[in-house]
Every structure is written in C-alpha cells, then in structure tokens.
N, C-alpha and C. Protein backbone atom coordinates (compact mmCIF):
# COMPACT_ATOMS: atom_id res chain seq x y z
N MET A 1 -9.44 -16.93 -35.28
CA MET A 1 -9.98 -15.98 -36.06
C MET A 1 -9.36 -14.87 -34.96
N THR A 2 -8.69 -13.77 -35.17
CA THR A 2 -8.56 -12.68 -34.40
C THR A 2 -9.63 -11.43 -34.64
N VAL A 3 -9.53 -11.21 -33.72
CA VAL A 3 -10.73 -9.82 -33.51
C VAL A 3 -9.99 -8.75 -33.73
N PRO A 4 -9.52 -7.26 -33.91
CA PRO A 4 -8.82 -6.79 -33.93
C PRO A 4 -9.34 -5.43 -32.69
N ILE A 5 -8.47 -5.06 -31.74
CA ILE A 5 -9.27 -3.75 -31.10
C ILE A 5 -9.14 -2.84 -31.76
N THR A 6 -10.45 -1.91 -31.46
CA THR A 6 -9.95 -0.58 -32.04
C THR A 6 -10.29 0.87 -30.92
N VAL A 7 -10.51 1.40 -31.45
CA VAL A 7 -9.66 2.88 -30.98
C VAL A 7 -11.32 3.03 -30.13
N GLN A 8 -12.22 2.47 -30.16
CA GLN A 8 -13.46 2.42 -29.35
C GLN A 8 -13.63 1.24 -29.06
N ASP A 9 -12.69 0.08 -28.93
CA ASP A 9 -12.66 -0.63 -27.59
C ASP A 9 -12.00 -0.33 -26.26
N LEU A 10 -11.00 0.79 -26.99
CA LEU A 10 -10.13 1.37 -25.59
C LEU A 10 -10.88 1.62 -24.11
N PRO A 11 -12.00 2.53 -24.58
CA PRO A 11 -12.36 2.96 -23.17
C PRO A 11 -12.91 1.67 -22.24
N HIS A 12 -13.51 0.53 -22.77
CA HIS A 12 -13.67 -0.66 -22.23
C HIS A 12 -12.55 -1.07 -21.24
N LEU A 13 -11.55 -1.01 -22.10
CA LEU A 13 -9.87 -1.66 -21.83
C LEU A 13 -9.17 -0.90 -20.40
N ILE A 14 -9.69 0.87 -20.57
CA ILE A 14 -9.38 1.41 -19.81
C ILE A 14 -10.27 1.40 -18.31
N ALA A 15 -11.75 1.20 -18.47
CA ALA A 15 -12.50 1.18 -17.16
C ALA A 15 -11.71 -0.62 -16.11
N GLY A 16 -11.39 -1.21 -17.47
CA GLY A 16 -10.98 -2.79 -17.14
C GLY A 16 -9.70 -2.51 -15.82
N PHE A 17 -8.51 -1.87 -16.35
CA PHE A 17 -7.41 -2.03 -15.41
C PHE A 17 -7.91 -0.94 -14.59
N ASN A 18 -8.75 0.06 -14.36
CA ASN A 18 -9.05 0.76 -13.42
C ASN A 18 -9.61 -0.05 -12.03
N ALA A 19 -10.66 -0.72 -12.53
CA ALA A 19 -11.47 -1.58 -11.73
C ALA A 19 -10.55 -2.94 -11.69
N LEU A 20 -9.49 -3.03 -12.09
CA LEU A 20 -8.68 -4.08 -11.40
C LEU A 20 -7.63 -3.75 -10.51
N SER A 21 -7.39 -2.08 -10.72
CA SER A 21 -6.53 -1.74 -10.18
C SER A 21 -7.11 -1.67 -8.47
N VAL A 22 -8.25 -1.12 -8.23
CA VAL A 22 -9.17 -1.54 -7.08
C VAL A 22 -9.15 -2.69 -6.64
N VAL A 23 -9.50 -3.57 -7.59
CA VAL A 23 -9.73 -5.05 -6.66
C VAL A 23 -8.18 -5.38 -5.77
N PHE A 24 -7.10 -5.15 -6.61
CA PHE A 24 -5.67 -5.69 -6.11
C PHE A 24 -5.31 -4.57 -4.80
N MET A 25 -5.84 -3.26 -4.88
CA MET A 25 -5.76 -2.75 -3.54
C MET A 25 -6.22 -2.74 -2.38
N THR A 26 -7.55 -3.24 -3.06
CA THR A 26 -8.38 -3.81 -1.93
C THR A 26 -8.02 -4.51 -1.07
N VAL A 27 -7.47 -6.15 -1.58
CA VAL A 27 -6.88 -7.07 -1.25
C VAL A 27 -5.41 -6.84 -0.98
N GLY A 28 -4.90 -5.78 -1.56
CA GLY A 28 -3.90 -5.72 -0.88
C GLY A 28 -3.59 -4.87 0.82
N TYR A 29 -4.95 -3.88 0.56
CA TYR A 29 -4.86 -3.40 2.20
C TYR A 29 -5.51 -4.79 2.92
N ILE A 30 -6.38 -5.51 2.96
CA ILE A 30 -6.84 -6.22 4.18
C ILE A 30 -5.62 -7.37 4.37
N PHE A 31 -4.63 -7.58 2.91
CA PHE A 31 -3.29 -8.76 3.94
C PHE A 31 -2.58 -7.83 4.68
N ILE A 32 -2.39 -6.12 3.91
CA ILE A 32 -1.75 -5.84 5.43
C ILE A 32 -2.74 -5.61 6.50
N ARG A 33 -3.54 -5.65 6.61
CA ARG A 33 -3.87 -4.92 8.05
C ARG A 33 -4.05 -6.84 8.77
N GLN A 34 -3.87 -7.60 7.84
CA GLN A 34 -3.65 -9.30 8.74
C GLN A 34 -1.72 -9.39 8.94
N GLY A 35 -1.48 -8.24 8.19
CA GLY A 35 -0.08 -8.65 8.50
C GLY A 35 1.20 -9.38 7.78
N ALA A 36 0.72 -9.60 6.66
CA ALA A 36 0.69 -10.63 5.28
C ALA A 36 1.53 -9.73 4.57
N ARG A 37 2.98 -8.88 4.74
CA ARG A 37 3.51 -7.93 3.86
C ARG A 37 3.61 -8.51 2.64
N ASP A 38 4.06 -9.79 2.56
CA ASP A 38 4.14 -10.32 1.07
C ASP A 38 3.38 -10.41 -0.15
N LYS A 39 2.18 -11.21 0.94
CA LYS A 39 1.16 -10.90 -0.16
C LYS A 39 0.48 -9.22 -0.02
N HIS A 40 1.20 -8.50 0.70
CA HIS A 40 0.49 -7.29 0.23
C HIS A 40 1.40 -6.54 -0.82
N ARG A 41 2.81 -6.75 -0.83
CA ARG A 41 3.22 -6.06 -1.49
C ARG A 41 3.52 -6.91 -2.80
N ALA A 42 2.83 -8.37 -3.32
CA ALA A 42 2.41 -8.56 -3.88
C ALA A 42 1.14 -8.16 -4.59
N MET A 43 0.43 -7.80 -3.91
CA MET A 43 -0.95 -7.05 -4.27
C MET A 43 -0.97 -5.93 -4.98
N MET A 44 -0.23 -5.08 -4.13
CA MET A 44 0.40 -3.66 -4.30
C MET A 44 0.81 -3.33 -5.81
N LEU A 45 1.99 -4.14 -5.89
CA LEU A 45 2.44 -4.34 -7.37
C LEU A 45 1.65 -4.66 -8.70
N CYS A 46 1.25 -5.83 -8.19
CA CYS A 46 -0.13 -5.84 -9.37
C CYS A 46 -0.98 -4.80 -9.83
N ALA A 47 -1.43 -3.89 -8.12
CA ALA A 47 -2.18 -2.58 -9.07
C ALA A 47 -1.47 -1.32 -9.39
N ALA A 48 -0.15 -1.43 -9.14
CA ALA A 48 0.95 -0.37 -10.07
C ALA A 48 0.78 -0.72 -11.17
N GLY A 49 0.74 -2.24 -11.62
CA GLY A 49 0.69 -2.72 -12.77
C GLY A 49 -0.53 -2.73 -13.70
N ALA A 50 -1.40 -3.06 -13.13
CA ALA A 50 -2.81 -2.36 -13.76
C ALA A 50 -3.04 -0.95 -13.96
N SER A 51 -2.95 -0.29 -12.77
CA SER A 51 -2.58 1.28 -13.39
C SER A 51 -1.45 1.66 -14.24
N ALA A 52 -0.47 1.08 -14.89
CA ALA A 52 0.49 1.11 -15.84
C ALA A 52 -0.12 1.01 -17.17
N LEU A 53 -0.62 0.00 -16.83
CA LEU A 53 -1.79 -0.46 -18.57
C LEU A 53 -2.21 0.64 -18.70
N PHE A 54 -3.15 0.88 -17.43
CA PHE A 54 -4.21 2.04 -17.70
C PHE A 54 -3.89 3.09 -18.62
N LEU A 55 -2.38 3.39 -17.57
CA LEU A 55 -2.15 4.94 -18.23
C LEU A 55 -1.74 4.59 -19.68
N VAL A 56 -0.63 3.65 -19.98
CA VAL A 56 -0.55 3.17 -21.43
C VAL A 56 -1.77 3.40 -22.38
N VAL A 57 -2.53 2.56 -22.12
CA VAL A 57 -4.05 2.88 -23.01
C VAL A 57 -4.85 3.66 -22.93
N TYR A 58 -4.84 4.60 -21.97
CA TYR A 58 -5.06 5.88 -21.55
C TYR A 58 -5.06 6.97 -23.16
N VAL A 59 -3.12 7.14 -23.01
CA VAL A 59 -2.56 7.67 -23.67
C VAL A 59 -2.58 7.19 -25.41
N ILE A 60 -2.85 6.08 -25.68
CA ILE A 60 -2.83 6.25 -27.05
C ILE A 60 -4.70 6.41 -27.07
N TYR A 61 -5.53 6.35 -26.15
CA TYR A 61 -6.69 6.47 -26.76
C TYR A 61 -6.99 7.92 -26.65
N LYS A 62 -6.37 8.71 -25.71
CA LYS A 62 -6.95 9.90 -26.00
C LYS A 62 -5.97 10.85 -27.30
N LEU A 63 -4.67 10.36 -27.29
CA LEU A 63 -4.06 10.34 -28.79
C LEU A 63 -4.40 10.41 -30.24
N ASN A 64 -5.54 9.18 -30.11
CA ASN A 64 -6.27 9.07 -31.02
C ASN A 64 -7.95 8.89 -31.27
N SER A 65 -8.40 9.98 -30.29
CA SER A 65 -9.67 10.27 -30.06
C SER A 65 -9.87 11.28 -29.25
N GLY A 66 -9.37 12.16 -28.71
CA GLY A 66 -9.06 13.20 -27.99
C GLY A 66 -10.17 13.08 -26.74
N PHE A 67 -10.64 13.94 -26.44
CA PHE A 67 -11.50 14.09 -25.17
C PHE A 67 -13.47 13.71 -25.75
N ALA A 68 -13.69 12.73 -24.68
CA ALA A 68 -15.16 12.48 -25.41
C ALA A 68 -16.15 13.42 -24.83
N LYS A 69 -17.41 13.89 -25.40
CA LYS A 69 -18.38 14.39 -24.51
C LYS A 69 -19.24 13.70 -23.89
N PHE A 70 -20.33 14.87 -22.89
CA PHE A 70 -20.71 13.52 -22.35
C PHE A 70 -22.13 14.04 -22.66
N GLY A 71 -23.08 13.20 -22.99
CA GLY A 71 -24.48 13.13 -23.14
C GLY A 71 -25.53 13.85 -22.23
N GLY A 72 -25.55 13.52 -20.88
CA GLY A 72 -26.36 13.79 -20.10
C GLY A 72 -26.62 15.13 -19.69
N GLU A 73 -28.07 15.66 -19.67
CA GLU A 73 -28.56 16.68 -19.38
C GLU A 73 -29.18 16.96 -18.07
N GLY A 74 -29.57 18.05 -17.85
CA GLY A 74 -30.06 18.96 -16.26
C GLY A 74 -29.22 18.58 -15.63
N THR A 75 -30.11 17.98 -14.26
CA THR A 75 -29.37 17.65 -13.05
C THR A 75 -27.84 17.00 -13.22
N ILE A 76 -27.72 16.29 -13.81
CA ILE A 76 -26.78 14.81 -13.81
C ILE A 76 -25.35 15.43 -14.58
N ARG A 77 -25.70 17.21 -15.27
CA ARG A 77 -24.43 16.95 -15.62
C ARG A 77 -23.56 18.03 -14.79
N PRO A 78 -23.83 18.76 -13.79
CA PRO A 78 -23.04 18.65 -12.74
C PRO A 78 -22.27 18.02 -11.97
N ILE A 79 -22.93 17.18 -11.66
CA ILE A 79 -22.75 15.80 -10.91
C ILE A 79 -21.75 15.23 -11.69
N TYR A 80 -22.26 15.04 -12.96
CA TYR A 80 -21.12 14.27 -13.86
C TYR A 80 -19.77 15.16 -13.75
N PHE A 81 -19.86 15.59 -13.88
CA PHE A 81 -18.48 16.71 -14.04
C PHE A 81 -18.05 17.46 -12.92
N THR A 82 -18.41 17.42 -12.00
CA THR A 82 -18.06 16.92 -10.12
C THR A 82 -17.50 16.10 -10.05
N ILE A 83 -17.60 15.34 -10.16
CA ILE A 83 -17.08 14.07 -10.01
C ILE A 83 -16.10 14.18 -11.11
N LEU A 84 -16.01 14.17 -12.21
CA LEU A 84 -15.12 13.91 -13.62
C LEU A 84 -13.44 14.99 -12.64
N ILE A 85 -14.22 16.17 -12.70
CA ILE A 85 -12.81 17.22 -11.82
C ILE A 85 -11.90 17.01 -10.68
N VAL A 86 -12.38 16.09 -9.73
CA VAL A 86 -12.15 16.12 -8.58
C VAL A 86 -11.47 14.68 -8.69
N HIS A 87 -12.05 13.71 -10.14
CA HIS A 87 -10.89 12.74 -10.61
C HIS A 87 -9.99 13.21 -11.25
N VAL A 88 -10.15 13.97 -11.87
CA VAL A 88 -8.75 14.21 -12.95
C VAL A 88 -7.79 14.94 -12.05
N LEU A 89 -8.20 15.93 -10.42
CA LEU A 89 -7.19 16.61 -9.63
C LEU A 89 -6.64 15.21 -8.46
N GLY A 90 -7.45 14.03 -8.58
CA GLY A 90 -7.18 13.01 -7.50
C GLY A 90 -5.98 12.91 -8.28
N ALA A 91 -6.12 12.56 -10.01
CA ALA A 91 -5.23 11.80 -10.46
C ALA A 91 -4.01 12.18 -10.68
N ILE A 92 -3.65 14.15 -11.22
CA ILE A 92 -2.54 14.34 -11.26
C ILE A 92 -1.92 14.32 -9.67
N ALA A 93 -2.62 14.56 -8.65
CA ALA A 93 -2.04 14.06 -7.80
C ALA A 93 -1.12 12.99 -7.12
N ILE A 94 -1.92 11.64 -7.75
CA ILE A 94 -1.36 10.33 -7.69
C ILE A 94 -0.13 10.19 -8.31
N THR A 95 -0.58 10.63 -9.31
CA THR A 95 0.89 10.61 -11.10
C THR A 95 2.72 10.26 -9.73
N PRO A 96 2.71 11.47 -9.21
CA PRO A 96 3.95 11.15 -8.05
C PRO A 96 3.66 10.54 -7.39
N LEU A 97 2.52 10.56 -6.23
CA LEU A 97 2.48 9.96 -5.00
C LEU A 97 2.86 8.60 -4.96
N VAL A 98 2.10 7.88 -5.88
CA VAL A 98 2.18 6.59 -6.04
C VAL A 98 3.82 5.97 -6.03
N PRO A 99 4.65 6.36 -7.18
CA PRO A 99 5.63 5.99 -7.12
C PRO A 99 6.93 6.42 -5.94
N MET A 100 6.17 7.45 -5.22
CA MET A 100 7.11 8.05 -4.19
C MET A 100 6.60 6.91 -3.07
N THR A 101 5.46 6.97 -2.71
CA THR A 101 4.92 5.51 -1.91
C THR A 101 5.74 4.09 -2.02
N PHE A 102 5.81 4.04 -3.00
CA PHE A 102 6.66 2.57 -3.12
C PHE A 102 7.85 2.60 -3.12
N TRP A 103 8.28 3.39 -3.64
CA TRP A 103 9.95 3.28 -3.35
C TRP A 103 10.30 3.71 -2.09
N ARG A 104 9.48 3.93 -1.22
CA ARG A 104 9.89 4.37 0.28
C ARG A 104 9.89 2.17 0.40
N ALA A 105 8.88 1.99 0.28
CA ALA A 105 8.51 0.20 0.69
C ALA A 105 9.40 -0.27 -0.02
N LEU A 106 9.52 0.06 -1.19
CA LEU A 106 10.71 -0.85 -1.71
C LEU A 106 12.34 -0.93 -1.68
N THR A 107 12.59 0.56 -0.81
CA THR A 107 13.60 0.86 -0.17
C THR A 107 13.78 0.37 1.47
N GLY A 108 12.64 0.00 1.91
CA GLY A 108 12.71 -0.13 3.13
C GLY A 108 12.35 0.87 3.90
N GLN A 109 12.08 2.13 3.68
CA GLN A 109 11.88 2.71 4.89
C GLN A 109 10.36 3.11 4.91
N PHE A 110 9.81 1.77 5.94
CA PHE A 110 8.80 1.15 5.94
C PHE A 110 7.90 2.14 7.17
N GLU A 111 8.38 2.94 7.99
CA GLU A 111 7.43 4.27 8.25
C GLU A 111 7.28 5.02 7.49
N ARG A 112 8.19 5.47 6.81
CA ARG A 112 7.56 6.58 6.04
C ARG A 112 6.67 6.60 5.03
N HIS A 113 6.98 5.19 4.10
CA HIS A 113 5.72 4.43 3.55
C HIS A 113 4.48 4.57 4.31
N ARG A 114 4.21 4.35 5.23
CA ARG A 114 3.53 3.42 6.21
C ARG A 114 2.82 5.34 6.01
N ALA A 115 3.38 6.51 6.70
CA ALA A 115 2.95 8.05 6.43
C ALA A 115 2.70 8.37 5.43
N LEU A 116 2.65 8.09 4.07
CA LEU A 116 2.42 8.08 3.06
C LEU A 116 1.44 7.62 2.79
N ALA A 117 1.18 6.29 2.97
CA ALA A 117 0.47 5.75 1.61
C ALA A 117 -1.10 5.74 2.70
N ARG A 118 -1.00 6.16 3.78
CA ARG A 118 -2.39 6.56 5.01
C ARG A 118 -3.36 7.65 4.00
N TRP A 119 -2.11 8.67 3.23
CA TRP A 119 -3.09 9.47 2.56
C TRP A 119 -3.22 8.90 0.70
N VAL A 120 -2.02 8.52 0.45
CA VAL A 120 -2.11 8.08 -1.02
C VAL A 120 -3.48 7.25 -1.13
N TRP A 121 -3.54 5.52 -0.57
CA TRP A 121 -4.31 4.65 -0.62
C TRP A 121 -5.46 5.37 -1.04
N PRO A 122 -6.33 5.71 -0.15
CA PRO A 122 -7.82 6.36 -0.31
C PRO A 122 -7.78 7.47 -1.55
N LEU A 123 -6.74 8.12 -1.56
CA LEU A 123 -6.73 9.00 -2.98
C LEU A 123 -6.82 7.90 -4.26
N TRP A 124 -5.98 7.22 -4.55
CA TRP A 124 -5.70 6.34 -5.24
C TRP A 124 -7.10 5.45 -5.23
N MET A 125 -7.77 4.83 -4.54
CA MET A 125 -8.83 4.23 -4.22
C MET A 125 -9.67 4.86 -5.01
N TYR A 126 -10.65 6.56 -4.46
CA TYR A 126 -10.63 7.41 -5.18
C TYR A 126 -10.69 7.43 -6.49
N VAL A 127 -9.43 7.34 -7.18
CA VAL A 127 -9.53 7.79 -8.47
C VAL A 127 -9.58 6.40 -9.57
N GLY A 128 -9.57 5.44 -9.08
CA GLY A 128 -9.94 4.35 -9.49
C GLY A 128 -11.45 4.02 -9.36
N ILE A 129 -12.00 3.83 -8.49
CA ILE A 129 -13.28 3.79 -8.26
C ILE A 129 -14.05 5.22 -9.42
N SER A 130 -13.34 6.26 -8.62
CA SER A 130 -14.30 7.27 -9.57
C SER A 130 -14.01 7.29 -11.44
N GLY A 131 -12.66 6.77 -11.81
CA GLY A 131 -12.86 6.49 -13.35
C GLY A 131 -13.81 5.45 -13.75
N VAL A 132 -14.10 4.55 -13.04
CA VAL A 132 -15.23 3.63 -13.57
C VAL A 132 -16.14 4.08 -13.54
N VAL A 133 -16.87 4.91 -12.82
CA VAL A 133 -17.78 5.55 -12.02
C VAL A 133 -18.52 6.95 -14.01
N VAL A 134 -17.10 7.86 -13.82
CA VAL A 134 -16.77 8.48 -15.33
C VAL A 134 -17.17 7.57 -16.31
N TYR A 135 -16.48 6.53 -16.55
CA TYR A 135 -16.40 5.66 -17.96
C TYR A 135 -17.69 4.85 -17.82
N VAL A 136 -18.95 4.49 -16.74
CA VAL A 136 -20.33 4.13 -17.07
C VAL A 136 -20.95 5.28 -17.02
N MET A 137 -20.89 6.34 -16.40
CA MET A 137 -22.03 7.46 -16.49
C MET A 137 -21.67 7.76 -18.40
N ALA A 138 -20.31 8.22 -18.51
CA ALA A 138 -20.46 8.96 -20.28
C ALA A 138 -20.51 7.76 -21.13
N VAL A 139 -20.17 6.23 -20.84
CA VAL A 139 -20.13 5.53 -22.04
C VAL A 139 -21.61 5.00 -22.13
N HIS A 140 -21.96 4.31 -20.71
CA HIS A 140 -23.10 3.71 -20.47
C HIS A 140 -24.71 4.55 -20.12
N MET A 141 -24.41 5.52 -19.78
CA MET A 141 -25.74 5.76 -19.12
C MET A 141 -26.35 7.13 -19.81
N TYR A 142 -24.83 8.16 -20.00
CA TYR A 142 -25.37 9.40 -21.10
C TYR A 142 -24.64 9.04 -21.72
N PRO A 143 -24.52 8.73 -23.06
CA PRO A 143 -23.54 8.70 -24.16
C PRO A 143 -23.53 9.89 -24.75
N PHE A 144 -22.34 10.40 -25.57
CA PHE A 144 -23.01 11.89 -26.14
C PHE A 144 -23.45 11.20 -27.65
N THR A 145 -24.77 11.70 -27.85
CA THR A 145 -25.26 11.16 -29.37
C THR A 145 -25.26 12.20 -30.64
N GLY A 146 -24.51 13.65 -30.42
CA GLY A 146 -24.15 14.02 -31.36
C GLY A 146 -24.97 14.91 -31.69
N GLY A 147 -25.75 15.35 -30.55
CA GLY A 147 -27.38 16.77 -30.66
C GLY A 147 -26.84 17.87 -30.68
C-alpha cells in the first residue's frame, strides 16, 4: 500500500532536505580541514544535491499553497520575522554564490574557490539552519490557526 504525498507534507520534506544539506556541509567541512579533498568533494556535492531537492520541493509547495502565516503573538513575532527576513536575504545571496563556488572547485580554481567558500559556506550554513528553525517555529511551535 502506498501513501500519497500531499501538499501539507511538503514543509516536512523541505525542512528535511535543509537539515540534510547542513549535515553534508558540516561533514564536508570536517573533511577539508583533514585534507581529505575527495571526501570533501563528495559531501559538498551531496549538500548541493540536497539543496537542489529542497529548491524543487519548495517551488512546488509555494506554487500550490502560497505563503504560510505565522501564528505566534507578542515578543516571538519580531524574533521570528527577523530570523525569516535574514534567512530569505541569505537564500537570495547564496543562489548564485553556491554554483559559482562549485564551478571554481570543479574547474580546478582552488585558490579562488577557497577565497569564495570562506564566505559562502557560513552563509549557506546559516540559511540551512535558519530554514529549519523557521519551519519548527511556524509549523510546530506557533502554527497559524486561522484566528
């Protein structure tokens, strides 16, 4: 028996792909610090794959559901929206920067790759982690109940 995936299931997949990319990026960072370039490359390619899957599912979700509403009230609202705004701005920034960083590595421009990756990796990590935080806050902690 198969269980169909509904639009309501997609935020969970989106957060899962975000979390998976963070894990791959963390392990990739550890590998490069150890000098294990091949393992680093594999983990960063996996991180890019998880992020690409995130993006596909995210677009499908947004096309079918619009933007979610946050149900939290009081002090938590500005906290949530600050995290969300910085997350969105970071996501916009990494959209061209991640492929550029990959291109430099894949074409053997390692010094230029390293110089860019020192900025892109922490930003990409923030976007991945904050995406999961936004998901937990909006879906599990403070869901909008229609009031």
